[in-house]
Amino acid sequence: METGGQGSSTSDENDLAFVAALRQALAGAMAATAVAATAPPDRLLDGLVRMAAAVIPSPAAALLVVDPIANALTFDVAIGETASRAADLTVPLGHGIAGLVAVSGQPLAIANAQHDPRHAREIAEQIGYLPTTILAVPVTGADGAVLGVLELLDRQGAPTFSLDDMELLGHVAALCALALEQRRVTTLHADLVGRALATLGGLPPAAQQALTVQVETIAARVAADPVALRARQLAERVARIAAHGDAERRACEGVLAVFAGYLTAHPAPGAGIEAYVPGSAFPPEPR
C-alpha cells in the first residue's frame, strides 16, 4: 500500500508538470500569434484577393495553395459568379497556367487563354467560367518555396494584363505569403497541443478525465492570464514597431537585446534598473 501511494503521488506530480508545461505552451502560442498578424489569416487572405481584384479590375480571382501530399493546387479563396464551384477542385502541379506558375516560380500573363494550349480548359469548364485573359503570380515563402498562386481573370478596362499589373499583383502575393505562413504557425501550435493531449491515452481513465478537465480550464482562461496577457501586449507592441519598416524593427531588436543583457547581469527583479537606463520612466503594469 505504501509503495502504491508513492506511485500515485509521482503520477500526480507528473500530471501537474504536464499541465504547467501546456499552460506555458499556450501562452507562448498566444504571443507568437500576436506577432504574426493582427487579423485572422483566412479573413485576411480573402480580403487580399478581393483587394487585388478591385485594384486591378477583374471579375474573378483565386488564391490556390500548394498541397505537397497531393502534388496539386487547391482553391483556398475564389471570388466571382461561379467561384463556389471551385471549392472541391484541384489543379495538378505543372498543369494549366496556375500549375505552371507553381512549378516554375515565375509569373505568367496570358492574352488569349482559349487559344493557349497551356490553359486548363477542362477545369475552367467545371467551374463554369471561361476566361480570355489570365494573370498568375507565385506566392513565395520566406525560404523561397512556392506556397501557392494568386490569379486574376479577364482584366477590365484594358485588352490584357500589363507588366505594372504583374508587379502590383506580386506585392499582394507577398502579403498572402505572410498570411499563409501565419496560418501554418497557428496550425502547428494547435497540432502541438493536440499531440500533447494525445499522450493522455496512456493514463488511467480517471486520471485522463481529470487532466483533460484541467487542460480545458487552462485553455479557456489563458487569454486572461496576467503572464500571457503581458506577453501578448509586448508582442503586439513589437509587431506595431516592426510594421513601420526594417530600420525600426532593427532598432527595436537592439533595444530588446540590450535589455536582455541587463537581465543577464542583474538577475534580481528590478535590481539597478534606473542606474542601467538613466532617466528611465517605466509605465505601470496594465491592469
C-alpha atoms as a PDB file:
ATOM      1  CA  MET A   1       0.000   0.000   0.000  1.00  0.00           C
ATOM      2  CA  GLU A   2       2.817   2.357   0.871  1.00  0.00           C
ATOM      3  CA  THR A   3       4.550   1.734  -2.464  1.00  0.00           C
ATOM      4  CA  GLY A   4       1.293   2.284  -4.319  1.00  0.00           C
ATOM      5  CA  GLY A   5       0.806   5.601  -2.533  1.00  0.00           C
ATOM      6  CA  GLN A   6       4.223   6.801  -3.612  1.00  0.00           C
ATOM      7  CA  GLY A   7       3.493   5.811  -7.208  1.00  0.00           C
ATOM      8  CA  SER A   8       0.215   7.710  -7.118  1.00  0.00           C
ATOM      9  CA  SER A   9       1.988  10.777  -5.756  1.00  0.00           C
ATOM     10  CA  THR A  10       4.576  10.603  -8.512  1.00  0.00           C
ATOM     11  CA  SER A  11       1.821  10.283 -11.126  1.00  0.00           C
ATOM     12  CA  ASP A  12       0.022  13.336  -9.744  1.00  0.00           C
ATOM     13  CA  GLU A  13       3.254  15.335  -9.826  1.00  0.00           C
ATOM     14  CA  ASN A  14       3.822  14.303 -13.448  1.00  0.00           C
ATOM     15  CA  ASP A  15       0.254  15.324 -14.317  1.00  0.00           C
ATOM     16  CA  LEU A  16       0.737  18.732 -12.722  1.00  0.00           C
ATOM     17  CA  ALA A  17       4.051  19.178 -14.524  1.00  0.00           C
ATOM     18  CA  PHE A  18       2.340  18.364 -17.815  1.00  0.00           C
ATOM     19  CA  VAL A  19      -0.420  20.889 -17.142  1.00  0.00           C
ATOM     20  CA  ALA A  20       2.153  23.570 -16.270  1.00  0.00           C
ATOM     21  CA  ALA A  21       4.098  22.873 -19.465  1.00  0.00           C
ATOM     22  CA  LEU A  22       0.942  23.005 -21.544  1.00  0.00           C
ATOM     23  CA  ARG A  23      -0.080  26.282 -19.915  1.00  0.00           C
ATOM     24  CA  GLN A  24       3.305  27.765 -20.842  1.00  0.00           C
ATOM     25  CA  ALA A  25       2.999  26.464 -24.414  1.00  0.00           C
ATOM     26  CA  LEU A  26      -0.429  28.045 -24.814  1.00  0.00           C
ATOM     27  CA  ALA A  27       0.868  31.372 -23.523  1.00  0.00           C
ATOM     28  CA  GLY A  28       3.760  31.197 -25.989  1.00  0.00           C
ATOM     29  CA  ALA A  29       1.391  30.339 -28.814  1.00  0.00           C
ATOM     30  CA  MET A  30      -0.720  33.378 -28.000  1.00  0.00           C
ATOM     31  CA  ALA A  31       2.320  35.665 -28.077  1.00  0.00           C
ATOM     32  CA  ALA A  32       3.636  34.198 -31.329  1.00  0.00           C
ATOM     33  CA  THR A  33       0.244  34.568 -32.993  1.00  0.00           C
ATOM     34  CA  ALA A  34       0.068  38.213 -31.935  1.00  0.00           C
ATOM     35  CA  VAL A  35       3.442  38.860 -33.575  1.00  0.00           C
ATOM     36  CA  ALA A  36       2.482  37.074 -36.772  1.00  0.00           C
ATOM     37  CA  ALA A  37      -0.553  39.181 -37.630  1.00  0.00           C
ATOM     38  CA  THR A  38      -3.363  41.356 -36.332  1.00  0.00           C
ATOM     39  CA  ALA A  39      -6.216  39.644 -38.223  1.00  0.00           C
ATOM     40  CA  PRO A  40      -7.323  36.025 -38.650  1.00  0.00           C
ATOM     41  CA  PRO A  41      -5.375  34.659 -41.644  1.00  0.00           C
ATOM     42  CA  ASP A  42      -8.387  33.234 -43.515  1.00  0.00           C
ATOM     43  CA  ARG A  43     -10.231  36.559 -43.377  1.00  0.00           C
ATOM     44  CA  LEU A  44      -7.053  38.393 -44.305  1.00  0.00           C
ATOM     45  CA  LEU A  45      -6.449  36.143 -47.328  1.00  0.00           C
ATOM     46  CA  ASP A  46      -9.996  36.641 -48.576  1.00  0.00           C
ATOM     47  CA  GLY A  47      -9.605  40.398 -48.190  1.00  0.00           C
ATOM     48  CA  LEU A  48      -6.294  40.427 -50.049  1.00  0.00           C
ATOM     49  CA  VAL A  49      -7.730  38.531 -53.027  1.00  0.00           C
ATOM     50  CA  ARG A  50     -10.730  40.866 -53.178  1.00  0.00           C
ATOM     51  CA  MET A  51      -8.461  43.900 -52.909  1.00  0.00           C
ATOM     52  CA  ALA A  52      -6.336  42.649 -55.812  1.00  0.00           C
ATOM     53  CA  ALA A  53      -9.420  42.115 -57.976  1.00  0.00           C
ATOM     54  CA  ALA A  54     -10.638  45.630 -57.139  1.00  0.00           C
ATOM     55  CA  VAL A  55      -7.335  47.448 -57.696  1.00  0.00           C
ATOM     56  CA  ILE A  56      -6.605  45.510 -60.899  1.00  0.00           C
ATOM     57  CA  PRO A  57     -10.219  45.360 -62.124  1.00  0.00           C
ATOM     58  CA  SER A  58     -11.094  41.686 -62.622  1.00  0.00           C
ATOM     59  CA  PRO A  59     -14.457  39.937 -62.234  1.00  0.00           C
ATOM     60  CA  ALA A  60     -12.893  36.708 -60.985  1.00  0.00           C
ATOM     61  CA  ALA A  61      -9.833  35.826 -58.919  1.00  0.00           C
ATOM     62  CA  ALA A  62      -8.420  32.977 -56.882  1.00  0.00           C
ATOM     63  CA  LEU A  63      -5.722  32.043 -54.425  1.00  0.00           C
ATOM     64  CA  LEU A  64      -4.568  28.470 -54.923  1.00  0.00           C
ATOM     65  CA  VAL A  65      -2.391  26.790 -52.292  1.00  0.00           C
ATOM     66  CA  VAL A  66       0.141  24.016 -52.840  1.00  0.00           C
ATOM     67  CA  ASP A  67      -0.794  20.644 -51.340  1.00  0.00           C
ATOM     68  CA  PRO A  68       2.570  18.822 -51.303  1.00  0.00           C
ATOM     69  CA  ILE A  69       0.970  15.483 -50.424  1.00  0.00           C
ATOM     70  CA  ALA A  70      -1.472  15.559 -53.346  1.00  0.00           C
ATOM     71  CA  ASN A  71       1.119  17.256 -55.591  1.00  0.00           C
ATOM     72  CA  ALA A  72      -1.598  19.699 -56.601  1.00  0.00           C
ATOM     73  CA  LEU A  73      -3.071  23.138 -56.012  1.00  0.00           C
ATOM     74  CA  THR A  74      -6.294  23.575 -54.045  1.00  0.00           C
ATOM     75  CA  PHE A  75      -8.582  26.613 -54.162  1.00  0.00           C
ATOM     76  CA  ASP A  76      -8.175  28.459 -50.869  1.00  0.00           C
ATOM     77  CA  VAL A  77     -10.028  31.606 -51.920  1.00  0.00           C
ATOM     78  CA  ALA A  78     -12.128  32.104 -55.047  1.00  0.00           C
ATOM     79  CA  ILE A  79     -14.286  35.080 -55.989  1.00  0.00           C
ATOM     80  CA  GLY A  80     -16.614  35.561 -58.925  1.00  0.00           C
ATOM     81  CA  GLU A  81     -20.099  34.477 -60.010  1.00  0.00           C
ATOM     82  CA  THR A  82     -19.207  30.785 -60.243  1.00  0.00           C
ATOM     83  CA  ALA A  83     -16.452  30.733 -57.607  1.00  0.00           C
ATOM     84  CA  SER A  84     -18.313  28.317 -55.312  1.00  0.00           C
ATOM     85  CA  ARG A  85     -17.841  25.531 -57.886  1.00  0.00           C
ATOM     86  CA  ALA A  86     -14.063  25.674 -57.425  1.00  0.00           C
ATOM     87  CA  ALA A  87     -14.125  24.652 -53.762  1.00  0.00           C
ATOM     88  CA  ASP A  88     -13.632  20.910 -54.339  1.00  0.00           C
ATOM     89  CA  LEU A  89     -11.433  21.108 -57.426  1.00  0.00           C
ATOM     90  CA  THR A  90      -7.667  20.625 -57.595  1.00  0.00           C
ATOM     91  CA  VAL A  91      -5.102  21.622 -60.203  1.00  0.00           C
ATOM     92  CA  PRO A  92      -2.152  19.230 -60.666  1.00  0.00           C
ATOM     93  CA  LEU A  93       1.230  20.931 -60.314  1.00  0.00           C
ATOM     94  CA  GLY A  94       2.563  21.737 -63.768  1.00  0.00           C
ATOM     95  CA  HIS A  95      -0.931  21.703 -65.303  1.00  0.00           C
ATOM     96  CA  GLY A  96      -2.667  24.847 -66.507  1.00  0.00           C
ATOM     97  CA  ILE A  97      -1.447  28.391 -66.007  1.00  0.00           C
ATOM     98  CA  ALA A  98      -1.566  28.221 -62.200  1.00  0.00           C
ATOM     99  CA  GLY A  99       0.110  24.813 -62.134  1.00  0.00           C
ATOM    100  CA  LEU A 100       2.936  26.025 -64.350  1.00  0.00           C
ATOM    101  CA  VAL A 101       3.492  29.120 -62.193  1.00  0.00           C
ATOM    102  CA  ALA A 102       3.582  26.946 -59.066  1.00  0.00           C
ATOM    103  CA  VAL A 103       6.307  24.757 -60.596  1.00  0.00           C
ATOM    104  CA  SER A 104       8.387  27.493 -62.227  1.00  0.00           C
ATOM    105  CA  GLY A 105       8.015  30.151 -59.541  1.00  0.00           C
ATOM    106  CA  GLN A 106       7.648  32.748 -62.309  1.00  0.00           C
ATOM    107  CA  PRO A 107       4.626  34.992 -63.066  1.00  0.00           C
ATOM    108  CA  LEU A 108       2.700  34.435 -66.270  1.00  0.00           C
ATOM    109  CA  ALA A 109       0.251  36.594 -68.236  1.00  0.00           C
ATOM    110  CA  ILE A 110      -1.957  35.150 -70.979  1.00  0.00           C
ATOM    111  CA  ALA A 111      -3.694  37.362 -73.565  1.00  0.00           C
ATOM    112  CA  ASN A 112      -5.923  34.732 -75.218  1.00  0.00           C
ATOM    113  CA  ALA A 113      -6.464  31.790 -72.899  1.00  0.00           C
ATOM    114  CA  GLN A 114      -8.970  29.980 -75.093  1.00  0.00           C
ATOM    115  CA  HIS A 115      -6.346  29.549 -77.805  1.00  0.00           C
ATOM    116  CA  ASP A 116      -3.420  28.857 -75.473  1.00  0.00           C
ATOM    117  CA  PRO A 117      -2.583  25.159 -75.076  1.00  0.00           C
ATOM    118  CA  ARG A 118      -1.252  25.794 -71.560  1.00  0.00           C
ATOM    119  CA  HIS A 119      -4.688  26.794 -70.290  1.00  0.00           C
ATOM    120  CA  ALA A 120      -6.532  24.105 -68.298  1.00  0.00           C
ATOM    121  CA  ARG A 121      -9.805  24.443 -70.158  1.00  0.00           C
ATOM    122  CA  GLU A 122     -11.395  21.367 -68.569  1.00  0.00           C
ATOM    123  CA  ILE A 123     -11.036  22.897 -65.090  1.00  0.00           C
ATOM    124  CA  ALA A 124     -12.451  26.220 -66.317  1.00  0.00           C
ATOM    125  CA  GLU A 125     -15.443  24.344 -67.756  1.00  0.00           C
ATOM    126  CA  GLN A 126     -16.081  22.602 -64.442  1.00  0.00           C
ATOM    127  CA  ILE A 127     -16.083  25.980 -62.699  1.00  0.00           C
ATOM    128  CA  GLY A 128     -18.301  27.430 -65.407  1.00  0.00           C
ATOM    129  CA  TYR A 129     -16.081  30.379 -66.257  1.00  0.00           C
ATOM    130  CA  LEU A 130     -14.002  30.529 -69.431  1.00  0.00           C
ATOM    131  CA  PRO A 131     -11.556  33.448 -69.162  1.00  0.00           C
ATOM    132  CA  THR A 132      -9.892  35.295 -72.010  1.00  0.00           C
ATOM    133  CA  THR A 133      -7.006  36.918 -70.172  1.00  0.00           C
ATOM    134  CA  ILE A 134      -5.174  35.484 -67.153  1.00  0.00           C
ATOM    135  CA  LEU A 135      -2.532  36.840 -64.792  1.00  0.00           C
ATOM    136  CA  ALA A 136      -0.930  34.457 -62.304  1.00  0.00           C
ATOM    137  CA  VAL A 137       1.922  35.151 -59.891  1.00  0.00           C
ATOM    138  CA  PRO A 138       3.628  32.846 -57.380  1.00  0.00           C
ATOM    139  CA  VAL A 139       3.068  33.194 -53.641  1.00  0.00           C
ATOM    140  CA  THR A 140       6.531  32.578 -52.242  1.00  0.00           C
ATOM    141  CA  GLY A 141       7.501  31.944 -48.632  1.00  0.00           C
ATOM    142  CA  ALA A 142      10.464  33.390 -46.772  1.00  0.00           C
ATOM    143  CA  ASP A 143      12.545  30.311 -47.622  1.00  0.00           C
ATOM    144  CA  GLY A 144      11.878  30.711 -51.357  1.00  0.00           C
ATOM    145  CA  ALA A 145       9.407  27.816 -51.571  1.00  0.00           C
ATOM    146  CA  VAL A 146       6.246  28.398 -53.602  1.00  0.00           C
ATOM    147  CA  LEU A 147       3.268  28.276 -51.238  1.00  0.00           C
ATOM    148  CA  GLY A 148       0.644  28.910 -53.875  1.00  0.00           C
ATOM    149  CA  VAL A 149      -0.506  31.005 -56.813  1.00  0.00           C
ATOM    150  CA  LEU A 150      -2.534  34.226 -56.927  1.00  0.00           C
ATOM    151  CA  GLU A 151      -4.572  34.521 -60.116  1.00  0.00           C
ATOM    152  CA  LEU A 152      -6.748  37.202 -61.745  1.00  0.00           C
ATOM    153  CA  LEU A 153      -9.056  36.592 -64.701  1.00  0.00           C
ATOM    154  CA  ASP A 154     -10.243  38.934 -67.501  1.00  0.00           C
ATOM    155  CA  ARG A 155      -8.664  42.353 -66.964  1.00  0.00           C
ATOM    156  CA  GLN A 156     -11.319  45.066 -67.249  1.00  0.00           C
ATOM    157  CA  GLY A 157     -10.580  48.378 -68.971  1.00  0.00           C
ATOM    158  CA  ALA A 158      -7.574  47.017 -70.887  1.00  0.00           C
ATOM    159  CA  PRO A 159      -7.059  44.347 -73.574  1.00  0.00           C
ATOM    160  CA  THR A 160      -4.782  42.317 -71.301  1.00  0.00           C
ATOM    161  CA  PHE A 161      -2.816  42.430 -68.060  1.00  0.00           C
ATOM    162  CA  SER A 162       0.240  44.710 -68.110  1.00  0.00           C
ATOM    163  CA  LEU A 163       3.675  44.470 -66.526  1.00  0.00           C
ATOM    164  CA  ASP A 164       2.523  47.029 -63.967  1.00  0.00           C
ATOM    165  CA  ASP A 165      -0.406  44.760 -63.117  1.00  0.00           C
ATOM    166  CA  MET A 166       2.008  41.883 -62.708  1.00  0.00           C
ATOM    167  CA  GLU A 167       4.252  43.866 -60.368  1.00  0.00           C
ATOM    168  CA  LEU A 168       1.310  45.073 -58.280  1.00  0.00           C
ATOM    169  CA  LEU A 169      -0.165  41.585 -58.000  1.00  0.00           C
ATOM    170  CA  GLY A 170       3.274  40.361 -56.927  1.00  0.00           C
ATOM    171  CA  HIS A 171       3.150  42.752 -53.953  1.00  0.00           C
ATOM    172  CA  VAL A 172      -0.264  41.409 -52.962  1.00  0.00           C
ATOM    173  CA  ALA A 173       1.096  37.866 -53.295  1.00  0.00           C
ATOM    174  CA  ALA A 174       3.863  38.742 -50.833  1.00  0.00           C
ATOM    175  CA  LEU A 175       1.205  39.733 -48.286  1.00  0.00           C
ATOM    176  CA  CYS A 176      -0.646  36.481 -48.986  1.00  0.00           C
ATOM    177  CA  ALA A 177       2.568  34.586 -48.248  1.00  0.00           C
ATOM    178  CA  LEU A 178       2.799  36.232 -44.811  1.00  0.00           C
ATOM    179  CA  ALA A 179      -0.800  35.309 -44.041  1.00  0.00           C
ATOM    180  CA  LEU A 180      -0.295  31.716 -45.207  1.00  0.00           C
ATOM    181  CA  GLU A 181       2.798  31.334 -43.058  1.00  0.00           C
ATOM    182  CA  GLN A 182       0.950  32.790 -40.080  1.00  0.00           C
ATOM    183  CA  ARG A 183      -1.791  30.219 -40.606  1.00  0.00           C
ATOM    184  CA  ARG A 184       0.800  27.465 -40.790  1.00  0.00           C
ATOM    185  CA  VAL A 185       2.316  28.565 -37.481  1.00  0.00           C
ATOM    186  CA  THR A 186      -1.126  28.684 -35.854  1.00  0.00           C
ATOM    187  CA  THR A 187      -1.892  25.200 -37.172  1.00  0.00           C
ATOM    188  CA  LEU A 188       1.408  23.898 -35.845  1.00  0.00           C
ATOM    189  CA  HIS A 189       0.595  25.293 -32.395  1.00  0.00           C
ATOM    190  CA  ALA A 190      -2.770  23.530 -32.443  1.00  0.00           C
ATOM    191  CA  ASP A 191      -1.117  20.316 -33.601  1.00  0.00           C
ATOM    192  CA  LEU A 192       1.462  20.573 -30.817  1.00  0.00           C
ATOM    193  CA  VAL A 193      -1.234  20.906 -28.173  1.00  0.00           C
ATOM    194  CA  GLY A 194      -3.213  18.107 -29.814  1.00  0.00           C
ATOM    195  CA  ARG A 195      -0.240  15.766 -29.689  1.00  0.00           C
ATOM    196  CA  ALA A 196       0.359  16.648 -26.065  1.00  0.00           C
ATOM    197  CA  LEU A 197      -3.242  15.816 -25.282  1.00  0.00           C
ATOM    198  CA  ALA A 198      -2.934  12.560 -27.214  1.00  0.00           C
ATOM    199  CA  THR A 199      -0.385  11.371 -24.649  1.00  0.00           C
ATOM    200  CA  LEU A 200      -3.207  11.261 -22.133  1.00  0.00           C
ATOM    201  CA  GLY A 201      -4.259   7.965 -23.661  1.00  0.00           C
ATOM    202  CA  GLY A 202      -1.635   6.143 -21.607  1.00  0.00           C
ATOM    203  CA  LEU A 203      -3.093   7.321 -18.284  1.00  0.00           C
ATOM    204  CA  PRO A 204      -5.768   5.531 -16.264  1.00  0.00           C
ATOM    205  CA  PRO A 205      -9.306   6.666 -17.262  1.00  0.00           C
ATOM    206  CA  ALA A 206      -9.885   8.614 -14.046  1.00  0.00           C
ATOM    207  CA  ALA A 207      -6.572  10.475 -14.306  1.00  0.00           C
ATOM    208  CA  GLN A 208      -7.159  11.081 -18.014  1.00  0.00           C
ATOM    209  CA  GLN A 209     -10.563  12.616 -17.362  1.00  0.00           C
ATOM    210  CA  ALA A 210      -9.315  14.776 -14.514  1.00  0.00           C
ATOM    211  CA  LEU A 211      -6.346  16.048 -16.509  1.00  0.00           C
ATOM    212  CA  THR A 212      -8.492  16.731 -19.566  1.00  0.00           C
ATOM    213  CA  VAL A 213     -10.773  18.925 -17.455  1.00  0.00           C
ATOM    214  CA  GLN A 214      -7.755  20.812 -16.135  1.00  0.00           C
ATOM    215  CA  VAL A 215      -6.385  21.347 -19.640  1.00  0.00           C
ATOM    216  CA  GLU A 216      -9.734  22.624 -20.920  1.00  0.00           C
ATOM    217  CA  THR A 217      -9.905  25.039 -17.997  1.00  0.00           C
ATOM    218  CA  ILE A 218      -6.418  26.325 -18.793  1.00  0.00           C
ATOM    219  CA  ALA A 219      -7.259  26.760 -22.476  1.00  0.00           C
ATOM    220  CA  ALA A 220     -10.392  28.736 -21.537  1.00  0.00           C
ATOM    221  CA  ARG A 221      -8.590  31.032 -19.087  1.00  0.00           C
ATOM    222  CA  VAL A 222      -5.182  31.500 -20.694  1.00  0.00           C
ATOM    223  CA  ALA A 223      -6.281  34.644 -22.531  1.00  0.00           C
ATOM    224  CA  ALA A 224      -6.936  36.321 -19.171  1.00  0.00           C
ATOM    225  CA  ASP A 225      -3.760  35.048 -17.526  1.00  0.00           C
ATOM    226  CA  PRO A 226      -1.597  38.041 -16.478  1.00  0.00           C
ATOM    227  CA  VAL A 227       1.631  36.468 -17.766  1.00  0.00           C
ATOM    228  CA  ALA A 228       0.067  35.542 -21.103  1.00  0.00           C
ATOM    229  CA  LEU A 229      -1.594  38.951 -21.346  1.00  0.00           C
ATOM    230  CA  ARG A 230       1.685  40.784 -20.770  1.00  0.00           C
ATOM    231  CA  ALA A 231       3.421  38.543 -23.314  1.00  0.00           C
ATOM    232  CA  ARG A 232       0.736  39.309 -25.861  1.00  0.00           C
ATOM    233  CA  GLN A 233       0.854  43.052 -25.195  1.00  0.00           C
ATOM    234  CA  LEU A 234       4.621  43.055 -25.588  1.00  0.00           C
ATOM    235  CA  ALA A 235       4.347  41.027 -28.795  1.00  0.00           C
ATOM    236  CA  GLU A 236       1.732  43.401 -30.198  1.00  0.00           C
ATOM    237  CA  ARG A 237       3.969  46.401 -29.465  1.00  0.00           C
ATOM    238  CA  VAL A 238       6.891  44.750 -31.206  1.00  0.00           C
ATOM    239  CA  ALA A 239       4.644  43.924 -34.178  1.00  0.00           C
ATOM    240  CA  ARG A 240       3.491  47.552 -34.459  1.00  0.00           C
ATOM    241  CA  ILE A 241       7.078  48.795 -34.365  1.00  0.00           C
ATOM    242  CA  ALA A 242       8.232  46.221 -36.937  1.00  0.00           C
ATOM    243  CA  ALA A 243       5.397  47.223 -39.274  1.00  0.00           C
ATOM    244  CA  HIS A 244       6.992  50.665 -39.722  1.00  0.00           C
ATOM    245  CA  GLY A 245       9.999  49.233 -41.580  1.00  0.00           C
ATOM    246  CA  ASP A 246      13.283  47.334 -41.323  1.00  0.00           C
ATOM    247  CA  ALA A 247      15.130  50.213 -39.620  1.00  0.00           C
ATOM    248  CA  GLU A 248      12.530  50.435 -36.868  1.00  0.00           C
ATOM    249  CA  ARG A 249      12.498  46.645 -36.461  1.00  0.00           C
ATOM    250  CA  ARG A 250      16.293  46.531 -36.123  1.00  0.00           C
ATOM    251  CA  ALA A 251      16.226  49.370 -33.587  1.00  0.00           C
ATOM    252  CA  CYS A 252      13.608  47.508 -31.551  1.00  0.00           C
ATOM    253  CA  GLU A 253      15.674  44.322 -31.684  1.00  0.00           C
ATOM    254  CA  GLY A 254      18.703  46.293 -30.479  1.00  0.00           C
ATOM    255  CA  VAL A 255      16.820  47.743 -27.514  1.00  0.00           C
ATOM    256  CA  LEU A 256      15.495  44.306 -26.557  1.00  0.00           C
ATOM    257  CA  ALA A 257      18.982  42.807 -26.888  1.00  0.00           C
ATOM    258  CA  VAL A 258      20.414  45.460 -24.554  1.00  0.00           C
ATOM    259  CA  PHE A 259      17.653  44.859 -22.035  1.00  0.00           C
ATOM    260  CA  ALA A 260      18.195  41.089 -22.255  1.00  0.00           C
ATOM    261  CA  GLY A 261      21.847  41.783 -21.424  1.00  0.00           C
ATOM    262  CA  TYR A 262      20.754  43.772 -18.392  1.00  0.00           C
ATOM    263  CA  LEU A 263      18.596  40.871 -17.188  1.00  0.00           C
ATOM    264  CA  THR A 264      21.546  38.530 -17.509  1.00  0.00           C
ATOM    265  CA  ALA A 265      23.770  40.863 -15.498  1.00  0.00           C
ATOM    266  CA  HIS A 266      21.074  41.679 -12.891  1.00  0.00           C
ATOM    267  CA  PRO A 267      19.009  38.535 -12.300  1.00  0.00           C
ATOM    268  CA  ALA A 268      17.196  40.004  -9.267  1.00  0.00           C
ATOM    269  CA  PRO A 269      13.914  41.677 -10.381  1.00  0.00           C
ATOM    270  CA  GLY A 270      14.308  45.462 -10.604  1.00  0.00           C
ATOM    271  CA  ALA A 271      17.919  45.441  -9.435  1.00  0.00           C
ATOM    272  CA  GLY A 272      19.715  48.594 -10.556  1.00  0.00           C
ATOM    273  CA  ILE A 273      17.354  49.246 -13.436  1.00  0.00           C
ATOM    274  CA  GLU A 274      17.361  53.054 -13.105  1.00  0.00           C
ATOM    275  CA  ALA A 275      21.153  53.122 -12.960  1.00  0.00           C
ATOM    276  CA  TYR A 276      21.333  50.881 -16.004  1.00  0.00           C
ATOM    277  CA  VAL A 277      18.962  53.088 -18.023  1.00  0.00           C
ATOM    278  CA  PRO A 278      19.487  56.679 -16.803  1.00  0.00           C
ATOM    279  CA  GLY A 279      16.371  58.791 -16.607  1.00  0.00           C
ATOM    280  CA  SER A 280      14.137  55.857 -17.428  1.00  0.00           C
ATOM    281  CA  ALA A 281      10.489  56.070 -16.522  1.00  0.00           C
ATOM    282  CA  PHE A 282       8.640  52.823 -16.915  1.00  0.00           C
ATOM    283  CA  PRO A 283       4.862  52.836 -17.327  1.00  0.00           C
ATOM    284  CA  PRO A 284       2.783  50.993 -14.724  1.00  0.00           C
ATOM    285  CA  GLU A 285       1.811  47.390 -15.365  1.00  0.00           C
ATOM    286  CA  PRO A 286      -1.512  47.059 -17.256  1.00  0.00           C
ATOM    287  CA  ARG A 287      -4.443  46.040 -15.104  1.00  0.00           C
END
